[in-house]
Amino acid sequence: LAGIDIDEAGYRINYCKGEFFSLAA
């Protein structure tokens, strides 16, 4: 939005998902 080419700058965000499992109480 500020006018930066995010691919040229290396600013494109890649979503990395982290999943958690509960352990029995």
mmCIF file of all heavy atoms, coordinates in Angstrom:
data_MODEL
# 
_entry.id   MODEL 
# 
loop_
_atom_site.group_PDB 
_atom_site.id 
_atom_site.type_symbol 
_atom_site.label_atom_id 
_atom_site.label_alt_id 
_atom_site.label_comp_id 
_atom_site.label_asym_id 
_atom_site.label_entity_id 
_atom_site.label_seq_id 
_atom_site.pdbx_PDB_ins_code 
_atom_site.Cartn_x 
_atom_site.Cartn_y 
_atom_site.Cartn_z 
_atom_site.occupancy 
_atom_site.B_iso_or_equiv 
_atom_site.pdbx_formal_charge 
_atom_site.auth_seq_id 
_atom_site.auth_comp_id 
_atom_site.auth_asym_id 
_atom_site.auth_atom_id 
_atom_site.pdbx_PDB_model_num 
ATOM 1   N N   . LEU A 1 1  ? 0.830  -1.206  0.000  1.00 0.00 ? 1  LEU A N   1 
ATOM 2   C CA  . LEU A 1 1  ? 0.000  0.000   0.000  1.00 0.00 ? 1  LEU A CA  1 
ATOM 3   C C   . LEU A 1 1  ? 0.866  1.259   0.000  1.00 0.00 ? 1  LEU A C   1 
ATOM 4   O O   . LEU A 1 1  ? 0.486  2.291   -0.565 1.00 0.00 ? 1  LEU A O   1 
ATOM 5   C CB  . LEU A 1 1  ? -0.905 0.033   1.235  1.00 0.00 ? 1  LEU A CB  1 
ATOM 6   C CG  . LEU A 1 1  ? -2.214 -0.759  1.219  1.00 0.00 ? 1  LEU A CG  1 
ATOM 7   C CD1 . LEU A 1 1  ? -2.973 -0.522  2.520  1.00 0.00 ? 1  LEU A CD1 1 
ATOM 8   C CD2 . LEU A 1 1  ? -3.075 -0.385  0.025  1.00 0.00 ? 1  LEU A CD2 1 
ATOM 9   N N   . ALA A 1 2  ? 2.027  1.172   0.634  1.00 0.00 ? 2  ALA A N   1 
ATOM 10  C CA  . ALA A 1 2  ? 2.929  2.317   0.697  1.00 0.00 ? 2  ALA A CA  1 
ATOM 11  C C   . ALA A 1 2  ? 3.718  2.509   -0.598 1.00 0.00 ? 2  ALA A C   1 
ATOM 12  O O   . ALA A 1 2  ? 4.478  3.469   -0.717 1.00 0.00 ? 2  ALA A O   1 
ATOM 13  C CB  . ALA A 1 2  ? 3.890  2.161   1.873  1.00 0.00 ? 2  ALA A CB  1 
ATOM 14  N N   . GLY A 1 3  ? 3.543  1.582   -1.545 1.00 0.00 ? 3  GLY A N   1 
ATOM 15  C CA  . GLY A 1 3  ? 4.177  1.737   -2.850 1.00 0.00 ? 3  GLY A CA  1 
ATOM 16  C C   . GLY A 1 3  ? 5.395  0.880   -3.078 1.00 0.00 ? 3  GLY A C   1 
ATOM 17  O O   . GLY A 1 3  ? 6.101  1.059   -4.079 1.00 0.00 ? 3  GLY A O   1 
ATOM 18  N N   . ILE A 1 4  ? 5.651  -0.083  -2.204 1.00 0.00 ? 4  ILE A N   1 
ATOM 19  C CA  . ILE A 1 4  ? 6.825  -0.945  -2.344 1.00 0.00 ? 4  ILE A CA  1 
ATOM 20  C C   . ILE A 1 4  ? 6.456  -2.181  -3.173 1.00 0.00 ? 4  ILE A C   1 
ATOM 21  O O   . ILE A 1 4  ? 5.405  -2.797  -2.962 1.00 0.00 ? 4  ILE A O   1 
ATOM 22  C CB  . ILE A 1 4  ? 7.358  -1.367  -0.958 1.00 0.00 ? 4  ILE A CB  1 
ATOM 23  C CG1 . ILE A 1 4  ? 7.899  -0.143  -0.212 1.00 0.00 ? 4  ILE A CG1 1 
ATOM 24  C CG2 . ILE A 1 4  ? 8.435  -2.442  -1.082 1.00 0.00 ? 4  ILE A CG2 1 
ATOM 25  C CD1 . ILE A 1 4  ? 8.322  -0.427  1.213  1.00 0.00 ? 4  ILE A CD1 1 
ATOM 26  N N   . ASP A 1 5  ? 7.297  -2.532  -4.123 1.00 0.00 ? 5  ASP A N   1 
ATOM 27  C CA  . ASP A 1 5  ? 7.159  -3.787  -4.861 1.00 0.00 ? 5  ASP A CA  1 
ATOM 28  C C   . ASP A 1 5  ? 7.630  -4.900  -3.934 1.00 0.00 ? 5  ASP A C   1 
ATOM 29  O O   . ASP A 1 5  ? 8.837  -5.108  -3.754 1.00 0.00 ? 5  ASP A O   1 
ATOM 30  C CB  . ASP A 1 5  ? 8.005  -3.744  -6.136 1.00 0.00 ? 5  ASP A CB  1 
ATOM 31  C CG  . ASP A 1 5  ? 7.863  -4.999  -6.991 1.00 0.00 ? 5  ASP A CG  1 
ATOM 32  O OD1 . ASP A 1 5  ? 7.574  -6.088  -6.436 1.00 0.00 ? 5  ASP A OD1 1 
ATOM 33  O OD2 . ASP A 1 5  ? 8.075  -4.909  -8.213 1.00 0.00 ? 5  ASP A OD2 1 
ATOM 34  N N   . ILE A 1 6  ? 6.693  -5.612  -3.324 1.00 0.00 ? 6  ILE A N   1 
ATOM 35  C CA  . ILE A 1 6  ? 7.058  -6.551  -2.260 1.00 0.00 ? 6  ILE A CA  1 
ATOM 36  C C   . ILE A 1 6  ? 7.780  -7.790  -2.788 1.00 0.00 ? 6  ILE A C   1 
ATOM 37  O O   . ILE A 1 6  ? 8.507  -8.440  -2.037 1.00 0.00 ? 6  ILE A O   1 
ATOM 38  C CB  . ILE A 1 6  ? 5.837  -6.952  -1.398 1.00 0.00 ? 6  ILE A CB  1 
ATOM 39  C CG1 . ILE A 1 6  ? 4.738  -7.618  -2.235 1.00 0.00 ? 6  ILE A CG1 1 
ATOM 40  C CG2 . ILE A 1 6  ? 5.301  -5.740  -0.656 1.00 0.00 ? 6  ILE A CG2 1 
ATOM 41  C CD1 . ILE A 1 6  ? 3.593  -8.155  -1.401 1.00 0.00 ? 6  ILE A CD1 1 
ATOM 42  N N   . ASP A 1 7  ? 7.605  -8.114  -4.056 1.00 0.00 ? 7  ASP A N   1 
ATOM 43  C CA  . ASP A 1 7  ? 8.364  -9.234  -4.614 1.00 0.00 ? 7  ASP A CA  1 
ATOM 44  C C   . ASP A 1 7  ? 9.805  -8.825  -4.867 1.00 0.00 ? 7  ASP A C   1 
ATOM 45  O O   . ASP A 1 7  ? 10.734 -9.569  -4.543 1.00 0.00 ? 7  ASP A O   1 
ATOM 46  C CB  . ASP A 1 7  ? 7.696  -9.734  -5.897 1.00 0.00 ? 7  ASP A CB  1 
ATOM 47  C CG  . ASP A 1 7  ? 6.369  -10.433 -5.617 1.00 0.00 ? 7  ASP A CG  1 
ATOM 48  O OD1 . ASP A 1 7  ? 6.338  -11.307 -4.731 1.00 0.00 ? 7  ASP A OD1 1 
ATOM 49  O OD2 . ASP A 1 7  ? 5.367  -10.088 -6.269 1.00 0.00 ? 7  ASP A OD2 1 
ATOM 50  N N   . GLU A 1 8  ? 10.001 -7.642  -5.406 1.00 0.00 ? 8  GLU A N   1 
ATOM 51  C CA  . GLU A 1 8  ? 11.369 -7.141  -5.620 1.00 0.00 ? 8  GLU A CA  1 
ATOM 52  C C   . GLU A 1 8  ? 12.088 -6.967  -4.290 1.00 0.00 ? 8  GLU A C   1 
ATOM 53  O O   . GLU A 1 8  ? 13.283 -7.262  -4.167 1.00 0.00 ? 8  GLU A O   1 
ATOM 54  C CB  . GLU A 1 8  ? 11.301 -5.822  -6.393 1.00 0.00 ? 8  GLU A CB  1 
ATOM 55  C CG  . GLU A 1 8  ? 12.660 -5.196  -6.706 1.00 0.00 ? 8  GLU A CG  1 
ATOM 56  C CD  . GLU A 1 8  ? 13.185 -4.322  -5.577 1.00 0.00 ? 8  GLU A CD  1 
ATOM 57  O OE1 . GLU A 1 8  ? 12.374 -3.737  -4.832 1.00 0.00 ? 8  GLU A OE1 1 
ATOM 58  O OE2 . GLU A 1 8  ? 14.422 -4.232  -5.429 1.00 0.00 ? 8  GLU A OE2 1 
ATOM 59  N N   . ALA A 1 9  ? 11.351 -6.502  -3.270 1.00 0.00 ? 9  ALA A N   1 
ATOM 60  C CA  . ALA A 1 9  ? 11.953 -6.254  -1.961 1.00 0.00 ? 9  ALA A CA  1 
ATOM 61  C C   . ALA A 1 9  ? 12.122 -7.517  -1.136 1.00 0.00 ? 9  ALA A C   1 
ATOM 62  O O   . ALA A 1 9  ? 12.857 -7.515  -0.140 1.00 0.00 ? 9  ALA A O   1 
ATOM 63  C CB  . ALA A 1 9  ? 11.098 -5.255  -1.181 1.00 0.00 ? 9  ALA A CB  1 
ATOM 64  N N   . GLY A 1 10 ? 11.465 -8.599  -1.520 1.00 0.00 ? 10 GLY A N   1 
ATOM 65  C CA  . GLY A 1 10 ? 11.507 -9.822  -0.713 1.00 0.00 ? 10 GLY A CA  1 
ATOM 66  C C   . GLY A 1 10 ? 10.610 -9.738  0.503  1.00 0.00 ? 10 GLY A C   1 
ATOM 67  O O   . GLY A 1 10 ? 10.871 -10.371 1.528  1.00 0.00 ? 10 GLY A O   1 
ATOM 68  N N   . TYR A 1 11 ? 9.518  -8.960  0.399  1.00 0.00 ? 11 TYR A N   1 
ATOM 69  C CA  . TYR A 1 11 ? 8.627  -8.716  1.527  1.00 0.00 ? 11 TYR A CA  1 
ATOM 70  C C   . TYR A 1 11 ? 7.340  -9.529  1.463  1.00 0.00 ? 11 TYR A C   1 
ATOM 71  O O   . TYR A 1 11 ? 6.492  -9.386  2.352  1.00 0.00 ? 11 TYR A O   1 
ATOM 72  C CB  . TYR A 1 11 ? 8.230  -7.232  1.589  1.00 0.00 ? 11 TYR A CB  1 
ATOM 73  C CG  . TYR A 1 11 ? 9.321  -6.267  2.022  1.00 0.00 ? 11 TYR A CG  1 
ATOM 74  C CD1 . TYR A 1 11 ? 10.607 -6.700  2.355  1.00 0.00 ? 11 TYR A CD1 1 
ATOM 75  C CD2 . TYR A 1 11 ? 9.045  -4.900  2.084  1.00 0.00 ? 11 TYR A CD2 1 
ATOM 76  C CE1 . TYR A 1 11 ? 11.583 -5.794  2.740  1.00 0.00 ? 11 TYR A CE1 1 
ATOM 77  C CE2 . TYR A 1 11 ? 10.021 -3.990  2.475  1.00 0.00 ? 11 TYR A CE2 1 
ATOM 78  C CZ  . TYR A 1 11 ? 11.283 -4.428  2.796  1.00 0.00 ? 11 TYR A CZ  1 
ATOM 79  O OH  . TYR A 1 11 ? 12.241 -3.528  3.176  1.00 0.00 ? 11 TYR A OH  1 
ATOM 80  N N   . ARG A 1 12 ? 7.155  -10.343 0.432  1.00 0.00 ? 12 ARG A N   1 
ATOM 81  C CA  . ARG A 1 12 ? 5.887  -11.074 0.346  1.00 0.00 ? 12 ARG A CA  1 
ATOM 82  C C   . ARG A 1 12 ? 5.787  -12.074 1.501  1.00 0.00 ? 12 ARG A C   1 
ATOM 83  O O   . ARG A 1 12 ? 6.713  -12.843 1.744  1.00 0.00 ? 12 ARG A O   1 
ATOM 84  C CB  . ARG A 1 12 ? 5.739  -11.786 -0.994 1.00 0.00 ? 12 ARG A CB  1 
ATOM 85  C CG  . ARG A 1 12 ? 4.373  -12.489 -1.158 1.00 0.00 ? 12 ARG A CG  1 
ATOM 86  C CD  . ARG A 1 12 ? 4.145  -12.975 -2.566 1.00 0.00 ? 12 ARG A CD  1 
ATOM 87  N NE  . ARG A 1 12 ? 4.026  -11.879 -3.524 1.00 0.00 ? 12 ARG A NE  1 
ATOM 88  C CZ  . ARG A 1 12 ? 2.917  -11.170 -3.726 1.00 0.00 ? 12 ARG A CZ  1 
ATOM 89  N NH1 . ARG A 1 12 ? 1.825  -11.438 -3.020 1.00 0.00 ? 12 ARG A NH1 1 
ATOM 90  N NH2 . ARG A 1 12 ? 2.903  -10.201 -4.624 1.00 0.00 ? 12 ARG A NH2 1 
ATOM 91  N N   . ILE A 1 13 ? 4.665  -12.037 2.189  1.00 0.00 ? 13 ILE A N   1 
ATOM 92  C CA  . ILE A 1 13 ? 4.463  -12.911 3.341  1.00 0.00 ? 13 ILE A CA  1 
ATOM 93  C C   . ILE A 1 13 ? 3.972  -14.281 2.884  1.00 0.00 ? 13 ILE A C   1 
ATOM 94  O O   . ILE A 1 13 ? 3.027  -14.391 2.094  1.00 0.00 ? 13 ILE A O   1 
ATOM 95  C CB  . ILE A 1 13 ? 3.444  -12.293 4.321  1.00 0.00 ? 13 ILE A CB  1 
ATOM 96  C CG1 . ILE A 1 13 ? 3.980  -10.983 4.915  1.00 0.00 ? 13 ILE A CG1 1 
ATOM 97  C CG2 . ILE A 1 13 ? 3.091  -13.283 5.435  1.00 0.00 ? 13 ILE A CG2 1 
ATOM 98  C CD1 . ILE A 1 13 ? 5.234  -11.114 5.740  1.00 0.00 ? 13 ILE A CD1 1 
ATOM 99  N N   . ASN A 1 14 ? 4.623  -15.308 3.406  1.00 0.00 ? 14 ASN A N   1 
ATOM 100 C CA  . ASN A 1 14 ? 4.188  -16.690 3.197  1.00 0.00 ? 14 ASN A CA  1 
ATOM 101 C C   . ASN A 1 14 ? 3.644  -17.215 4.518  1.00 0.00 ? 14 ASN A C   1 
ATOM 102 O O   . ASN A 1 14 ? 4.320  -17.130 5.546  1.00 0.00 ? 14 ASN A O   1 
ATOM 103 C CB  . ASN A 1 14 ? 5.366  -17.551 2.732  1.00 0.00 ? 14 ASN A CB  1 
ATOM 104 C CG  . ASN A 1 14 ? 5.957  -17.042 1.425  1.00 0.00 ? 14 ASN A CG  1 
ATOM 105 O OD1 . ASN A 1 14 ? 5.305  -17.052 0.401  1.00 0.00 ? 14 ASN A OD1 1 
ATOM 106 N ND2 . ASN A 1 14 ? 7.201  -16.575 1.466  1.00 0.00 ? 14 ASN A ND2 1 
ATOM 107 N N   . TYR A 1 15 ? 2.418  -17.731 4.490  1.00 0.00 ? 15 TYR A N   1 
ATOM 108 C CA  . TYR A 1 15 ? 1.778  -18.207 5.719  1.00 0.00 ? 15 TYR A CA  1 
ATOM 109 C C   . TYR A 1 15 ? 2.359  -19.570 6.106  1.00 0.00 ? 15 TYR A C   1 
ATOM 110 O O   . TYR A 1 15 ? 2.359  -20.509 5.307  1.00 0.00 ? 15 TYR A O   1 
ATOM 111 C CB  . TYR A 1 15 ? 0.275  -18.357 5.534  1.00 0.00 ? 15 TYR A CB  1 
ATOM 112 C CG  . TYR A 1 15 ? -0.443 -17.088 5.151  1.00 0.00 ? 15 TYR A CG  1 
ATOM 113 C CD1 . TYR A 1 15 ? -1.417 -17.098 4.154  1.00 0.00 ? 15 TYR A CD1 1 
ATOM 114 C CD2 . TYR A 1 15 ? -0.162 -15.883 5.781  1.00 0.00 ? 15 TYR A CD2 1 
ATOM 115 C CE1 . TYR A 1 15 ? -2.097 -15.944 3.802  1.00 0.00 ? 15 TYR A CE1 1 
ATOM 116 C CE2 . TYR A 1 15 ? -0.836 -14.725 5.436  1.00 0.00 ? 15 TYR A CE2 1 
ATOM 117 C CZ  . TYR A 1 15 ? -1.797 -14.766 4.440  1.00 0.00 ? 15 TYR A CZ  1 
ATOM 118 O OH  . TYR A 1 15 ? -2.466 -13.615 4.090  1.00 0.00 ? 15 TYR A OH  1 
ATOM 119 N N   . CYS A 1 16 ? 2.842  -19.652 7.326  1.00 0.00 ? 16 CYS A N   1 
ATOM 120 C CA  . CYS A 1 16 ? 3.338  -20.927 7.857  1.00 0.00 ? 16 CYS A CA  1 
ATOM 121 C C   . CYS A 1 16 ? 2.462  -21.315 9.045  1.00 0.00 ? 16 CYS A C   1 
ATOM 122 O O   . CYS A 1 16 ? 2.439  -20.615 10.063 1.00 0.00 ? 16 CYS A O   1 
ATOM 123 C CB  . CYS A 1 16 ? 4.794  -20.814 8.275  1.00 0.00 ? 16 CYS A CB  1 
ATOM 124 S SG  . CYS A 1 16 ? 5.511  -22.390 8.795  1.00 0.00 ? 16 CYS A SG  1 
ATOM 125 N N   . LYS A 1 17 ? 1.739  -22.385 8.889  1.00 0.00 ? 17 LYS A N   1 
ATOM 126 C CA  . LYS A 1 17 ? 0.786  -22.830 9.914  1.00 0.00 ? 17 LYS A CA  1 
ATOM 127 C C   . LYS A 1 17 ? 1.482  -23.756 10.905 1.00 0.00 ? 17 LYS A C   1 
ATOM 128 O O   . LYS A 1 17 ? 2.254  -24.637 10.518 1.00 0.00 ? 17 LYS A O   1 
ATOM 129 C CB  . LYS A 1 17 ? -0.382 -23.555 9.253  1.00 0.00 ? 17 LYS A CB  1 
ATOM 130 C CG  . LYS A 1 17 ? -1.502 -23.951 10.188 1.00 0.00 ? 17 LYS A CG  1 
ATOM 131 C CD  . LYS A 1 17 ? -2.662 -24.552 9.403  1.00 0.00 ? 17 LYS A CD  1 
ATOM 132 C CE  . LYS A 1 17 ? -3.851 -24.860 10.292 1.00 0.00 ? 17 LYS A CE  1 
ATOM 133 N NZ  . LYS A 1 17 ? -5.001 -25.382 9.516  1.00 0.00 ? 17 LYS A NZ  1 
ATOM 134 N N   . GLY A 1 18 ? 1.219  -23.549 12.182 1.00 0.00 ? 18 GLY A N   1 
ATOM 135 C CA  . GLY A 1 18 ? 1.727  -24.429 13.224 1.00 0.00 ? 18 GLY A CA  1 
ATOM 136 C C   . GLY A 1 18 ? 0.576  -25.025 14.000 1.00 0.00 ? 18 GLY A C   1 
ATOM 137 O O   . GLY A 1 18 ? -0.256 -24.287 14.536 1.00 0.00 ? 18 GLY A O   1 
ATOM 138 N N   . GLU A 1 19 ? 0.498  -26.334 14.055 1.00 0.00 ? 19 GLU A N   1 
ATOM 139 C CA  . GLU A 1 19 ? -0.605 -27.013 14.738 1.00 0.00 ? 19 GLU A CA  1 
ATOM 140 C C   . GLU A 1 19 ? -0.135 -27.623 16.060 1.00 0.00 ? 19 GLU A C   1 
ATOM 141 O O   . GLU A 1 19 ? 0.994  -28.099 16.173 1.00 0.00 ? 19 GLU A O   1 
ATOM 142 C CB  . GLU A 1 19 ? -1.206 -28.100 13.841 1.00 0.00 ? 19 GLU A CB  1 
ATOM 143 C CG  . GLU A 1 19 ? -1.761 -27.540 12.541 1.00 0.00 ? 19 GLU A CG  1 
ATOM 144 C CD  . GLU A 1 19 ? -2.671 -28.506 11.817 1.00 0.00 ? 19 GLU A CD  1 
ATOM 145 O OE1 . GLU A 1 19 ? -2.870 -29.649 12.303 1.00 0.00 ? 19 GLU A OE1 1 
ATOM 146 O OE2 . GLU A 1 19 ? -3.208 -28.130 10.758 1.00 0.00 ? 19 GLU A OE2 1 
ATOM 147 N N   . PHE A 1 20 ? -1.018 -27.574 17.045 1.00 0.00 ? 20 PHE A N   1 
ATOM 148 C CA  . PHE A 1 20 ? -0.740 -28.098 18.377 1.00 0.00 ? 20 PHE A CA  1 
ATOM 149 C C   . PHE A 1 20 ? -1.766 -29.162 18.746 1.00 0.00 ? 20 PHE A C   1 
ATOM 150 O O   . PHE A 1 20 ? -2.956 -29.032 18.415 1.00 0.00 ? 20 PHE A O   1 
ATOM 151 C CB  . PHE A 1 20 ? -0.797 -26.971 19.422 1.00 0.00 ? 20 PHE A CB  1 
ATOM 152 C CG  . PHE A 1 20 ? 0.229  -25.891 19.235 1.00 0.00 ? 20 PHE A CG  1 
ATOM 153 C CD1 . PHE A 1 20 ? -0.011 -24.813 18.401 1.00 0.00 ? 20 PHE A CD1 1 
ATOM 154 C CD2 . PHE A 1 20 ? 1.448  -25.950 19.905 1.00 0.00 ? 20 PHE A CD2 1 
ATOM 155 C CE1 . PHE A 1 20 ? 0.928  -23.814 18.228 1.00 0.00 ? 20 PHE A CE1 1 
ATOM 156 C CE2 . PHE A 1 20 ? 2.391  -24.951 19.739 1.00 0.00 ? 20 PHE A CE2 1 
ATOM 157 C CZ  . PHE A 1 20 ? 2.135  -23.883 18.897 1.00 0.00 ? 20 PHE A CZ  1 
ATOM 158 N N   . PHE A 1 21 ? -1.291 -30.177 19.451 1.00 0.00 ? 21 PHE A N   1 
ATOM 159 C CA  . PHE A 1 21 ? -2.181 -31.205 20.015 1.00 0.00 ? 21 PHE A CA  1 
ATOM 160 C C   . PHE A 1 21 ? -2.097 -31.117 21.541 1.00 0.00 ? 21 PHE A C   1 
ATOM 161 O O   . PHE A 1 21 ? -1.026 -30.832 22.100 1.00 0.00 ? 21 PHE A O   1 
ATOM 162 C CB  . PHE A 1 21 ? -1.760 -32.601 19.558 1.00 0.00 ? 21 PHE A CB  1 
ATOM 163 C CG  . PHE A 1 21 ? -2.392 -33.037 18.258 1.00 0.00 ? 21 PHE A CG  1 
ATOM 164 C CD1 . PHE A 1 21 ? -2.202 -32.296 17.091 1.00 0.00 ? 21 PHE A CD1 1 
ATOM 165 C CD2 . PHE A 1 21 ? -3.168 -34.174 18.193 1.00 0.00 ? 21 PHE A CD2 1 
ATOM 166 C CE1 . PHE A 1 21 ? -2.778 -32.693 15.901 1.00 0.00 ? 21 PHE A CE1 1 
ATOM 167 C CE2 . PHE A 1 21 ? -3.754 -34.583 16.998 1.00 0.00 ? 21 PHE A CE2 1 
ATOM 168 C CZ  . PHE A 1 21 ? -3.552 -33.838 15.844 1.00 0.00 ? 21 PHE A CZ  1 
ATOM 169 N N   . SER A 1 22 ? -3.209 -31.352 22.189 1.00 0.00 ? 22 SER A N   1 
ATOM 170 C CA  . SER A 1 22 ? -3.211 -31.388 23.654 1.00 0.00 ? 22 SER A CA  1 
ATOM 171 C C   . SER A 1 22 ? -2.686 -32.738 24.127 1.00 0.00 ? 22 SER A C   1 
ATOM 172 O O   . SER A 1 22 ? -2.784 -33.758 23.436 1.00 0.00 ? 22 SER A O   1 
ATOM 173 C CB  . SER A 1 22 ? -4.624 -31.157 24.192 1.00 0.00 ? 22 SER A CB  1 
ATOM 174 O OG  . SER A 1 22 ? -5.488 -32.209 23.790 1.00 0.00 ? 22 SER A OG  1 
ATOM 175 N N   . LEU A 1 23 ? -2.110 -32.734 25.327 1.00 0.00 ? 23 LEU A N   1 
ATOM 176 C CA  . LEU A 1 23 ? -1.657 -33.957 25.981 1.00 0.00 ? 23 LEU A CA  1 
ATOM 177 C C   . LEU A 1 23 ? -2.632 -34.263 27.110 1.00 0.00 ? 23 LEU A C   1 
ATOM 178 O O   . LEU A 1 23 ? -3.100 -33.345 27.796 1.00 0.00 ? 23 LEU A O   1 
ATOM 179 C CB  . LEU A 1 23 ? -0.246 -33.753 26.532 1.00 0.00 ? 23 LEU A CB  1 
ATOM 180 C CG  . LEU A 1 23 ? 0.424  -34.940 27.216 1.00 0.00 ? 23 LEU A CG  1 
ATOM 181 C CD1 . LEU A 1 23 ? 0.669  -36.078 26.228 1.00 0.00 ? 23 LEU A CD1 1 
ATOM 182 C CD2 . LEU A 1 23 ? 1.746  -34.511 27.850 1.00 0.00 ? 23 LEU A CD2 1 
ATOM 183 N N   . ALA A 1 24 ? -2.943 -35.519 27.299 1.00 0.00 ? 24 ALA A N   1 
ATOM 184 C CA  . ALA A 1 24 ? -3.893 -35.921 28.344 1.00 0.00 ? 24 ALA A CA  1 
ATOM 185 C C   . ALA A 1 24 ? -3.510 -35.321 29.691 1.00 0.00 ? 24 ALA A C   1 
ATOM 186 O O   . ALA A 1 24 ? -2.330 -35.275 30.062 1.00 0.00 ? 24 ALA A O   1 
ATOM 187 C CB  . ALA A 1 24 ? -3.948 -37.442 28.444 1.00 0.00 ? 24 ALA A CB  1 
ATOM 188 N N   . ALA A 1 25 ? -4.505 -34.838 30.429 1.00 0.00 ? 25 ALA A N   1 
ATOM 189 C CA  . ALA A 1 25 ? -4.264 -34.175 31.714 1.00 0.00 ? 25 ALA A CA  1 
ATOM 190 C C   . ALA A 1 25 ? -3.482 -35.070 32.672 1.00 0.00 ? 25 ALA A C   1 
ATOM 191 O O   . ALA A 1 25 ? -2.682 -34.564 33.483 1.00 0.00 ? 25 ALA A O   1 
ATOM 192 C CB  . ALA A 1 25 ? -5.589 -33.754 32.335 1.00 0.00 ? 25 ALA A CB  1 
# 
